[in-house]
Amino acid sequence: MADATQQRKPLPFAATFVAGAIAGCSEILTFYPLDVVKTRMQLQVGASSLGLGGTFKTIIAEEGFGRLYRGLAAPLMLEAPKRAVKFAANDFWGKTYRGIAGTDKMTQGISIATGCSAGATESIVVVPFELVKIRLQDKNSTFKGPMDVVKTIVRDQGALGLYAGMESTFWRHFWWNGGYFGSIFQVRALLPKAESPQAQLMNNFISGSIGGFVGTVINTPFDVVKSRIQGAGKPAPGVVPKYNWTYPALATIFREEGARALYKGFVPKVLRLAPGGGVLLLVVEFTLDVFRKALGPPYV
């Protein structure tokens, strides 16, 4: 069985793309309120913080339950192009690094390099959607919806204004994907061999959850900076933005608010992306298996 699995033909790109899109939308719909809470916590400047429970209660009490889903349209619209770029980039960088290393096998080092490079590539597509989402999630937001955000930014700053926070988004995705895919490779190697489809799904969930946790630990400071940059809006003429470039902004937050501020929103973020990473990998593998069975040999 193992030999047959190793020799089976890779699925068409359309199948992997659809599987990734379905998995991504499933994860977003399940865990999106945690993303709203995470963003609110990251936008709080200063040492004080309401915490996870306090932020949840405040949003619901002051703004209503529906506010926990404000900005949902942007990440849902992003899923299809994001997955297309992610899978294409993973395939390209994986082949490139294996070619450089002179091997056909994926190693942990190649897996990390592939993840980092694919994340960096993916960030180019992600930025405008993330910017719209952050502007809608902000407590002080008065925008009517995603298109209102886009029209306002383009009117005030031009089309390039939609790429505010590009550099910080680059680093956020670079580090998260490297940690996620590198961890998955290692955890899969340590887990006992799955003897049934159910055991394989559990292995996927465990490795994806651990990968999501590791990726979140690594990239949260970069996510805090990204939220601050994208939530700031256009500065007044002649005013230098407080948060501009990623690494200087990390130093500013550390100096003014302490190390803990770099992990604002970590709890809701990890509560989303750890199990979310597991759900993502589980749904992807499950959907791909459905495609393999539907297409039959030589894909099975």
Foldseek 3Di string as FASTA:
>chain_A
DVVLQVPFDDDDLVLLLVLLLVLQVVLCVVQQLLVLLLLQQLQDAAQDGLDDVRSQVCCCVPPNPCLSCWLVVLSNVLSNVLSSLLVVQLVVQLVVVCVVVVHPDDDLVSQLVSQLRSLLRSLVSCQLSVLLSLLRSHPPRPAPGSVSVCVVQCVVPNPCSSNFLSQLSSQLRNQLRSQLRSQLRVQLVVDPDDPDPVSVLVNLLQSQLNSLLRSLVRRQLSVSLSSNRSNPPDDDPPDDDPRHHRPVNSVVSCVRHNPVSSCGSSVSSSVSRNSSRSSSRSSSVVSLVVVCVVVDPSND
